[in-house]
Amino acid sequence: MDDGKLVRIESMPREGDLITPEALDRLRWLACKPGAIEAVLQCAERYPLLMQRCSDLDDRCRQLQAQCEALEMFNERYICPAHVLYSQRTIAEYADNSQVNMEEPVPGLGPPYVNGFPVPPGSVIRLTHKARPGYTPTKIAIDLNIAGGASNYLDFIITMYLVPGGVSSSKGLEIGNQMRGNQFLNKDGSQVHLKFPEWQNAPLDIGSAETLAIEIRNGGAVNNLDSAFVTIYYDNRRFYELCKRRCGCVTPTRASCP
């Protein structure tokens, strides 16, 4: 009966009224894939945990970045062998050098040491270098001149020391093994460059407050050692780059994390 009142009509929504065609296609795809809907529900349940893990990872990355920056600042300040004992001007004088010559005899040690060449049988000479900014040796070369043109290099015992070396001995701290002259020289007198000894499988630095010393003992029975030339080679590019960073010279800009 038409009495003029509004009549409420309820019906189910038609397909497409409450969902887009793209979303409907995704639902159909999920429905056709066994286990897909269950996987989506599991991901939804784990979403808060994943967000928390991402936040934790971001915090750890920021912490690691801060630690790396702190370590880099520490390295720039302390790893440079020259450290703070020498000015940039002094260090620059060594920028193009790549070797240290052990040509300074150490006098006044008493028998069996001699104050200079020649070195008779049974005697020892100790050689060192002048004070200089620290360096990291890479290899060592030795040339021996024996009286009479002899070539019995096996008679000469060679030992290296780090002075003062942090020990009470006046000799310093022994470096590497005792060696023989024939390890550095062939019978025809040609040189053999040996790798400088390492410490704990890492290059050994000679600090600015230290010097390297080498002792040559004449173990022969006849011939004098008339002269010797000992050369310590080092990587001058690495030396100068490390020292430039410590002394405030221009270096490449450090890459920063976003």
Foldseek 3Di string as FASTA:
>chain_A
DCPPDDDDDDDDDDPCPVDHPVVVVVVVVQVVDPPSVVVVVVCVVCVVVVVVVVVVVVVVVVVVQVVVVVVVVVLLQPVQQLHPPDAPVQLVVCLPPFKFKFDQWDPDPDPLEDRDDWRDAQHKIKTWGDQGRKFFFFKKAKAWDKPPRAQPQQQKKKWKAKPPQPDPDRRHHTADDIDTRCVQAPSVRDGDIGTGGDDPPHTDMRHSVIIMMMMIHRNDDDIIGGDMIMMTGGDSNVNSVSVCSNNVHDDDDDDDDD
